[in-house]
Amino acid sequence: MSKRKRNRAINSRDAPHTRSAASGVFLCSDEAYRTLCADGYRPLSSCPEVQMAVNAYADTIASMTIHLMQNTDKGDIRLRNELSRRMDIDPHPDMTRHQFIYNLVHTLLLEGEGNQVTIPIYRDGYLERLEPVAPSRVAILPPKDGGRYTIMVGGVPMNPDEVLHFVRNPDPEAPYKGRGYTIGLRDVVKSIRQATATKQTLMENPAPSIIVKVDGLTEELQTPEGREKLSNQYLSRTENGRPWMIPADTLEITQVKPLTLNDLAIKTNLELDKKSIASMLKVPGFMVGVGEFSAKEFDWFVSVPCMTVAKIIEQELTRKTLLSPDWYWKMNNRTLLNYDIERIVSVGKELVDRATMRRNELRDWLGMSPDPEMDDALILENYLRKNKNDLSDAQTGGEENA
């Protein structure tokens, strides 16, 4: 084939067809659009029950103090220095620790859909502040050519080592990023919105409680003015409690009961949906408006679900903000557990009697200031370690057993 014919054959090919997605246009009222197309997309943050559950996580975890710990041969000890103060007191010049952790947890569980990015800012080798990034400015890109994934912050590519990337519910296809709860809660949240809309409609437009049967051959029923005149003539009341006077052969009045929320089972379904949200987010039912308060359920919430999220924060901070292999961050939840004063005194007394803790430490549990006379450890004679070379009379039974 000659060069001219070959070029003609190439140029004569049909242009590639581009497929466009099918679309439609509705010319209707807003009410008809909502009926035909449902309520469209809404974020999980628009659901009050989801907000209550996430707020419970954020408030609880933000109330935990952050301790800088060090591994030693005799156990882990708490360190108090400028770095621990920076993290626990003022991680950001414009935020307290409670504000910073609250924003972190709320973004991680809700707006960030399982991801939260914070940029540590250093000056002269010291941590100056932690700068949280709005989820709308973050994009997580997959790795290329066997490398690491990339985090885009405001259009600027950054390596994972340069930022703090907190991940919740990792994606099986991309474990380096989170998925959040959008898929699991989508249908439940939609059901709650529908139940709320139905309840609001029944409250705003209640069904009439009286039905009037009228002879259809009456001339007044032929026009709207006639029906209005008939209603005003026989059904309008001028005085409260005054009986109606109606013709027996023309009108028949029947009282009916309109449908209620119980008849539509909205209340039951709404409680089931709230329990589903509580179960998926692992919060007690009373935190989303179902059931009564339970101290045991609250302690479980603080000890298990909240600490699970707190561990994510601990591990990411330890991995990327500390250089010493013996140091680590720890979020303390003990003060949040539902302890009454009698239980604290009972447990503390047993520990003091066995010299496990000092009396000033017990006073700290009770929120009292230390007493200089209570720094010494007390121990009962029965709990002293037995020493064959130096036995007291109380342990040996006197001179006869010496």
Protein backbone atom coordinates (compact mmCIF):
# COMPACT_ATOMS: atom_id res chain seq x y z
CA MET A 1 0.00 0.00 0.00
CA SER A 2 1.37 3.39 -0.92
CA LYS A 3 2.01 6.08 1.68
CA ARG A 4 -0.84 8.24 0.35
CA LYS A 5 -3.36 5.41 0.51
CA ARG A 6 -2.19 4.46 4.00
CA ASN A 7 -2.67 8.03 5.26
CA ARG A 8 -6.10 8.16 3.62
CA ALA A 9 -7.08 4.91 5.35
CA ILE A 10 -5.95 6.25 8.72
CA ASN A 11 -7.77 9.55 8.27
CA SER A 12 -10.95 7.79 7.15
CA ARG A 13 -11.44 6.01 10.45
CA ASP A 14 -14.52 6.88 12.39
CA ALA A 15 -13.96 9.26 15.25
CA PRO A 16 -14.12 7.60 18.63
CA HIS A 17 -17.49 7.79 20.31
CA THR A 18 -17.69 9.30 23.77
CA ARG A 19 -20.39 7.97 26.00
CA SER A 20 -22.10 10.41 28.29
CA ALA A 21 -24.00 9.46 31.36
CA ALA A 22 -27.75 9.52 31.03
CA SER A 23 -29.35 12.54 32.60
CA GLY A 24 -32.84 13.81 33.11
CA VAL A 25 -34.56 17.09 33.85
CA PHE A 26 -37.57 17.46 36.14
CA LEU A 27 -39.97 20.36 35.74
CA CYS A 28 -41.99 20.10 38.92
CA SER A 29 -42.53 21.62 42.32
CA ASP A 30 -40.10 21.20 45.21
CA GLU A 31 -42.49 18.85 47.00
CA ALA A 32 -42.85 16.64 43.92
CA TYR A 33 -39.06 16.59 43.45
CA ARG A 34 -38.53 15.40 47.02
CA THR A 35 -41.12 12.70 46.48
CA LEU A 36 -39.61 11.49 43.18
CA CYS A 37 -35.91 11.89 43.97
CA ALA A 38 -35.91 11.44 47.75
CA ASP A 39 -33.85 13.92 49.74
CA GLY A 40 -30.58 13.58 47.83
CA TYR A 41 -27.13 13.28 49.40
CA ARG A 42 -26.57 14.51 52.92
CA PRO A 43 -23.44 14.03 55.03
CA LEU A 44 -23.51 11.94 58.20
CA SER A 45 -22.93 15.12 60.19
CA SER A 46 -26.52 16.15 59.40
CA CYS A 47 -27.87 13.27 61.50
CA PRO A 48 -28.32 14.33 65.16
CA GLU A 49 -27.79 10.78 66.48
CA VAL A 50 -24.46 10.43 64.68
CA GLN A 51 -23.44 13.85 65.96
CA MET A 52 -24.29 12.86 69.54
CA ALA A 53 -22.24 9.65 69.30
CA VAL A 54 -19.21 11.35 67.76
CA ASN A 55 -19.42 14.22 70.26
CA ALA A 56 -19.37 11.66 73.08
CA TYR A 57 -16.11 10.23 71.69
CA ALA A 58 -14.56 13.67 71.16
CA ASP A 59 -15.53 15.03 74.59
CA THR A 60 -14.37 11.93 76.45
CA ILE A 61 -11.02 11.52 74.70
CA ALA A 62 -10.32 15.26 74.83
CA SER A 63 -10.72 15.10 78.62
CA MET A 64 -7.92 12.53 78.97
CA THR A 65 -4.58 13.90 80.09
CA ILE A 66 -1.59 13.06 77.89
CA HIS A 67 1.42 11.65 79.75
CA LEU A 68 4.96 11.39 78.44
CA MET A 69 6.26 8.03 79.69
CA GLN A 70 9.70 6.43 79.80
CA ASN A 71 10.57 2.75 79.93
CA THR A 72 12.98 1.85 82.76
CA ASP A 73 14.28 -1.39 84.24
CA LYS A 74 12.02 -0.91 87.27
CA GLY A 75 8.89 0.02 85.34
CA ASP A 76 7.53 2.93 83.35
CA ILE A 77 7.73 6.40 84.86
CA ARG A 78 6.10 9.68 83.88
CA LEU A 79 8.30 12.49 82.57
CA ARG A 80 7.51 16.15 83.12
CA ASN A 81 9.35 18.51 80.78
CA GLU A 82 8.65 21.15 78.14
CA LEU A 83 7.72 18.53 75.55
CA SER A 84 5.10 16.95 77.81
CA ARG A 85 3.72 20.40 78.61
CA ARG A 86 3.56 21.26 74.91
CA MET A 87 1.48 18.19 74.14
CA ASP A 88 -0.76 18.19 77.22
CA ILE A 89 -1.27 21.92 77.84
CA ASP A 90 -0.78 24.01 74.70
CA PRO A 91 -0.29 21.98 71.50
CA HIS A 92 -1.33 25.06 69.51
CA PRO A 93 -1.07 28.77 70.39
CA ASP A 94 -4.78 29.28 69.74
CA MET A 95 -6.08 26.03 71.24
CA THR A 96 -5.97 24.11 74.48
CA ARG A 97 -5.37 20.39 74.56
CA HIS A 98 -9.12 19.77 74.88
CA GLN A 99 -9.87 21.85 71.78
CA PHE A 100 -7.09 20.23 69.77
CA ILE A 101 -8.00 16.63 70.64
CA TYR A 102 -11.72 17.31 70.25
CA ASN A 103 -11.15 18.62 66.72
CA LEU A 104 -8.84 15.71 65.93
CA VAL A 105 -11.29 13.02 67.07
CA HIS A 106 -14.33 14.70 65.51
CA THR A 107 -12.58 15.03 62.14
CA LEU A 108 -11.20 11.49 62.33
CA LEU A 109 -14.59 9.87 62.98
CA LEU A 110 -16.88 12.10 60.93
CA GLU A 111 -15.78 14.87 58.55
CA GLY A 112 -12.49 13.22 57.57
CA GLU A 113 -14.15 9.82 56.96
CA GLY A 114 -11.51 7.93 58.91
CA ASN A 115 -8.56 10.27 58.22
CA GLN A 116 -7.10 13.25 60.04
CA VAL A 117 -3.91 15.06 59.12
CA THR A 118 -1.88 17.29 61.45
CA ILE A 119 1.37 19.02 60.55
CA PRO A 120 4.00 19.30 63.32
CA ILE A 121 5.83 22.65 63.17
CA TYR A 122 9.39 22.72 64.51
CA ARG A 123 11.69 25.62 65.35
CA ASP A 124 15.36 25.14 66.17
CA GLY A 125 14.76 21.40 66.54
CA TYR A 126 11.97 21.82 69.09
CA LEU A 127 8.26 21.18 68.60
CA GLU A 128 6.60 24.58 68.38
CA ARG A 129 3.00 23.59 67.64
CA LEU A 130 0.71 21.03 66.01
CA GLU A 131 -1.27 22.44 63.09
CA PRO A 132 -4.48 20.51 62.25
CA VAL A 133 -5.46 20.52 58.58
CA ALA A 134 -9.06 20.94 57.46
CA PRO A 135 -10.36 17.74 55.78
CA SER A 136 -11.39 19.71 52.68
CA ARG A 137 -7.69 20.51 52.03
CA VAL A 138 -6.49 16.90 52.27
CA ALA A 139 -6.24 14.33 49.49
CA ILE A 140 -4.58 10.92 49.84
CA LEU A 141 -2.98 9.59 46.66
CA PRO A 142 -1.97 5.95 46.11
CA PRO A 143 1.71 4.99 45.86
CA LYS A 144 3.49 4.98 42.50
CA ASP A 145 6.20 2.61 41.26
CA GLY A 146 6.37 0.73 44.53
CA GLY A 147 6.91 3.87 46.61
CA ARG A 148 4.94 5.29 49.48
CA TYR A 149 1.60 7.02 49.28
CA THR A 150 1.36 10.81 49.06
CA ILE A 151 -0.67 13.23 51.15
CA MET A 152 -1.75 16.38 49.32
CA VAL A 153 -2.26 19.30 51.70
CA GLY A 154 -3.70 22.30 49.91
CA GLY A 155 -2.22 21.05 46.63
CA VAL A 156 1.26 20.54 48.11
CA PRO A 157 2.52 16.92 48.09
CA MET A 158 3.93 15.69 51.39
CA ASN A 159 5.45 12.41 52.53
CA PRO A 160 3.78 10.45 55.35
CA ASP A 161 6.84 11.08 57.55
CA GLU A 162 6.28 14.83 57.34
CA VAL A 163 2.78 14.80 58.79
CA LEU A 164 0.76 13.05 61.48
CA HIS A 165 -1.79 10.90 59.67
CA PHE A 166 -4.37 9.37 62.03
CA VAL A 167 -6.32 6.50 60.48
CA ARG A 168 -9.57 4.90 61.66
CA ASN A 169 -11.15 1.82 60.05
CA PRO A 170 -8.43 1.17 57.42
CA ASP A 171 -9.49 0.41 53.86
CA PRO A 172 -8.67 -3.24 52.93
CA GLU A 173 -7.62 -2.15 49.44
CA ALA A 174 -5.48 0.71 50.79
CA PRO A 175 -4.59 0.11 54.45
CA TYR A 176 -2.72 3.41 54.70
CA LYS A 177 -6.00 5.38 54.66
CA GLY A 178 -9.27 5.12 56.56
CA ARG A 179 -12.83 4.64 55.40
CA GLY A 180 -14.93 6.00 58.25
CA TYR A 181 -18.52 4.85 58.76
CA THR A 182 -20.24 6.25 55.67
CA ILE A 183 -21.12 2.90 54.08
CA GLY A 184 -22.38 1.21 57.23
CA LEU A 185 -24.48 4.12 58.50
CA ARG A 186 -25.88 5.36 55.19
CA ASP A 187 -29.10 3.31 55.16
CA VAL A 188 -29.74 3.75 58.88
CA VAL A 189 -29.34 7.53 58.68
CA LYS A 190 -31.64 7.65 55.66
CA SER A 191 -34.29 5.71 57.59
CA ILE A 192 -34.04 8.11 60.53
CA ARG A 193 -34.41 11.13 58.24
CA GLN A 194 -37.49 9.59 56.65
CA ALA A 195 -39.06 8.86 60.04
CA THR A 196 -38.36 12.41 61.19
CA ALA A 197 -39.89 13.86 58.02
CA THR A 198 -43.03 11.70 58.44
CA LYS A 199 -43.41 12.75 62.06
CA GLN A 200 -43.01 16.40 61.14
CA THR A 201 -45.59 16.09 58.38
CA LEU A 202 -48.16 14.54 60.74
CA MET A 203 -47.56 17.29 63.27
CA GLU A 204 -47.79 20.14 60.76
CA ASN A 205 -50.75 18.71 58.80
CA PRO A 206 -52.86 16.65 61.20
CA ALA A 207 -55.71 14.62 59.74
CA PRO A 208 -59.25 15.86 60.58
CA SER A 209 -60.94 14.06 63.45
CA ILE A 210 -64.49 14.50 62.08
CA ILE A 211 -65.95 13.24 58.80
CA VAL A 212 -69.29 14.60 57.60
CA LYS A 213 -71.46 12.62 55.17
CA VAL A 214 -73.65 14.92 53.06
CA ASP A 215 -76.41 14.18 50.58
CA GLY A 216 -74.75 14.48 47.21
CA LEU A 217 -77.92 15.76 45.55
CA THR A 218 -77.89 18.95 47.62
CA GLU A 219 -77.44 21.96 45.38
CA GLU A 220 -75.03 23.65 47.76
CA LEU A 221 -72.42 20.93 47.15
CA GLN A 222 -72.08 21.78 43.49
CA THR A 223 -69.94 24.86 44.07
CA PRO A 224 -67.16 25.73 46.53
CA GLU A 225 -69.20 28.68 47.75
CA GLY A 226 -72.10 26.39 48.49
CA ARG A 227 -69.97 23.94 50.44
CA GLU A 228 -68.50 26.79 52.46
CA LYS A 229 -71.99 28.14 53.14
CA LEU A 230 -73.20 24.70 54.25
CA SER A 231 -70.23 24.31 56.58
CA ASN A 232 -70.75 27.71 58.13
CA GLN A 233 -74.48 27.12 58.49
CA TYR A 234 -74.37 23.78 60.31
CA LEU A 235 -70.83 23.09 61.53
CA SER A 236 -69.54 26.42 62.77
CA ARG A 237 -69.69 27.09 66.48
CA THR A 238 -70.33 30.48 67.92
CA GLU A 239 -70.01 29.43 71.55
CA ASN A 240 -67.93 26.69 73.18
CA GLY A 241 -69.97 23.70 74.27
CA ARG A 242 -73.08 24.68 72.34
CA PRO A 243 -74.60 21.70 70.46
CA TRP A 244 -75.00 21.60 66.69
CA MET A 245 -78.43 21.67 65.08
CA ILE A 246 -78.34 19.73 61.78
CA PRO A 247 -81.04 18.14 59.57
CA ALA A 248 -81.11 14.36 60.05
CA ASP A 249 -81.83 13.57 56.39
CA THR A 250 -79.05 15.73 55.00
CA LEU A 251 -75.97 15.35 57.20
CA GLU A 252 -74.41 12.47 59.10
CA ILE A 253 -71.40 13.15 61.31
CA THR A 254 -68.90 10.45 62.27
CA GLN A 255 -65.93 10.88 64.59
CA VAL A 256 -62.72 9.07 63.60
CA LYS A 257 -59.23 8.85 65.06
CA PRO A 258 -56.38 9.92 62.76
CA LEU A 259 -53.24 7.83 62.39
CA THR A 260 -50.70 8.38 65.14
CA LEU A 261 -46.95 7.69 65.31
CA ASN A 262 -47.69 4.47 67.18
CA ASP A 263 -50.07 3.31 64.43
CA LEU A 264 -47.32 3.81 61.84
CA ALA A 265 -44.74 2.11 64.12
CA ILE A 266 -42.47 5.12 63.66
CA LYS A 267 -41.49 5.21 67.32
CA THR A 268 -40.43 1.56 67.34
CA ASN A 269 -38.52 1.79 64.07
CA LEU A 270 -36.83 5.01 65.20
CA GLU A 271 -35.61 3.35 68.40
CA LEU A 272 -34.28 0.40 66.41
CA ASP A 273 -32.40 2.74 64.06
CA LYS A 274 -30.90 4.64 66.99
CA LYS A 275 -29.80 1.37 68.57
CA SER A 276 -28.22 0.40 65.23
CA ILE A 277 -26.23 3.64 65.19
CA ALA A 278 -25.18 3.10 68.81
CA SER A 279 -24.08 -0.45 67.99
CA MET A 280 -22.11 0.54 64.87
CA LEU A 281 -20.34 3.40 66.64
CA LYS A 282 -19.96 1.38 69.88
CA VAL A 283 -21.59 3.89 72.21
CA PRO A 284 -24.14 3.19 74.97
CA GLY A 285 -27.74 3.63 73.88
CA PHE A 286 -28.47 6.46 76.32
CA MET A 287 -25.91 8.62 74.50
CA VAL A 288 -28.15 8.68 71.39
CA GLY A 289 -31.44 9.00 73.25
CA VAL A 290 -32.34 5.33 73.81
CA GLY A 291 -32.59 3.72 77.25
CA GLU A 292 -31.44 4.98 80.63
CA PHE A 293 -28.05 5.90 82.00
CA SER A 294 -25.87 3.00 83.11
CA ALA A 295 -22.60 3.51 85.01
CA LYS A 296 -21.27 0.14 83.86
CA GLU A 297 -21.97 0.93 80.20
CA PHE A 298 -20.28 4.31 80.58
CA ASP A 299 -17.18 2.75 82.15
CA TRP A 300 -17.07 0.21 79.31
CA PHE A 301 -17.34 3.04 76.76
CA VAL A 302 -14.42 4.90 78.36
CA SER A 303 -12.27 1.78 78.80
CA VAL A 304 -12.79 0.08 75.42
CA PRO A 305 -14.16 2.14 72.49
CA CYS A 306 -12.63 5.46 73.59
CA MET A 307 -9.28 3.90 74.41
CA THR A 308 -9.27 2.22 71.00
CA VAL A 309 -9.35 5.64 69.34
CA ALA A 310 -6.94 7.02 71.95
CA LYS A 311 -4.43 4.27 71.03
CA ILE A 312 -4.50 5.49 67.43
CA ILE A 313 -3.49 8.94 68.66
CA GLU A 314 -0.88 7.57 71.06
CA GLN A 315 0.86 5.39 68.48
CA GLU A 316 0.99 8.05 65.75
CA LEU A 317 2.33 10.68 68.15
CA THR A 318 4.92 8.26 69.55
CA ARG A 319 6.02 7.13 66.11
CA LYS A 320 6.57 10.60 64.62
CA THR A 321 7.22 13.08 67.44
CA LEU A 322 9.65 11.18 69.71
CA LEU A 323 13.24 10.22 68.94
CA SER A 324 14.09 8.30 72.10
CA PRO A 325 13.13 4.60 71.85
CA ASP A 326 12.36 4.58 75.60
CA TRP A 327 9.74 7.33 75.44
CA TYR A 328 6.10 7.01 74.48
CA TRP A 329 2.84 8.93 74.82
CA LYS A 330 0.03 7.65 77.01
CA MET A 331 -3.53 8.98 77.34
CA ASN A 332 -4.82 8.53 80.89
CA ASN A 333 -8.50 7.60 81.24
CA ARG A 334 -8.55 6.63 84.92
CA THR A 335 -9.99 9.93 86.11
CA LEU A 336 -12.92 9.58 83.68
CA LEU A 337 -14.19 6.28 85.05
CA ASN A 338 -17.34 6.44 87.13
CA TYR A 339 -15.82 6.01 90.59
CA ASP A 340 -17.76 7.11 93.68
CA ILE A 341 -15.89 8.40 96.71
CA GLU A 342 -16.68 5.31 98.81
CA ARG A 343 -15.11 3.04 96.22
CA ILE A 344 -12.02 5.23 95.95
CA VAL A 345 -11.55 5.29 99.72
CA SER A 346 -12.06 1.53 100.01
CA VAL A 347 -9.55 0.67 97.29
CA GLY A 348 -7.09 3.32 98.44
CA LYS A 349 -7.20 2.12 102.04
CA GLU A 350 -6.27 -1.42 100.99
CA LEU A 351 -3.36 -0.12 98.91
CA VAL A 352 -2.10 2.15 101.70
CA ASP A 353 -2.25 -0.68 104.27
CA ARG A 354 -0.09 -2.82 102.00
CA ALA A 355 2.37 0.03 101.27
CA THR A 356 1.45 -0.13 97.59
CA MET A 357 0.74 3.61 97.64
CA ARG A 358 1.32 6.50 100.02
CA ARG A 359 -1.37 8.46 101.75
CA ASN A 360 -0.63 11.57 99.71
CA GLU A 361 -1.26 9.57 96.56
CA LEU A 362 -4.65 8.62 97.97
CA ARG A 363 -5.32 12.28 98.74
CA ASP A 364 -4.52 13.04 95.11
CA TRP A 365 -7.18 10.51 94.04
CA LEU A 366 -9.68 12.37 96.23
CA GLY A 367 -8.68 15.74 94.79
CA MET A 368 -7.04 16.91 98.01
CA SER A 369 -3.75 18.76 98.40
CA PRO A 370 -0.76 16.76 99.74
CA ASP A 371 0.04 16.77 103.44
CA PRO A 372 3.77 16.90 104.37
CA GLU A 373 3.14 14.47 107.22
CA MET A 374 1.72 11.81 104.90
CA ASP A 375 4.70 11.15 102.65
CA ASP A 376 5.87 8.10 104.60
CA ALA A 377 4.70 4.65 103.60
CA LEU A 378 2.68 2.79 106.22
CA ILE A 379 2.53 -0.96 106.53
CA LEU A 380 0.95 -3.38 108.95
CA GLU A 381 3.28 -5.62 110.97
CA ASN A 382 1.62 -8.71 109.52
CA TYR A 383 2.72 -7.71 106.03
CA LEU A 384 6.42 -7.23 106.87
CA ARG A 385 8.80 -9.45 104.93
CA LYS A 386 10.03 -12.29 107.13
CA ASN A 387 13.73 -12.07 108.03
CA LYS A 388 15.27 -14.97 109.97
CA ASN A 389 18.06 -12.79 111.34
CA ASP A 390 15.81 -10.10 112.80
CA LEU A 391 12.38 -11.28 113.95
CA SER A 392 10.15 -9.22 116.19
CA ASP A 393 8.53 -10.66 119.27
CA ALA A 394 5.10 -10.35 117.66
CA GLN A 395 6.21 -12.62 114.81
CA THR A 396 8.11 -15.18 116.91
CA GLY A 397 5.72 -15.39 119.84
CA GLY A 398 8.18 -14.06 122.48
CA GLU A 399 11.42 -15.33 123.98
CA GLU A 400 10.26 -18.96 124.11
CA ASN A 401 10.32 -19.25 120.29
CA ALA A 402 13.52 -17.25 119.85
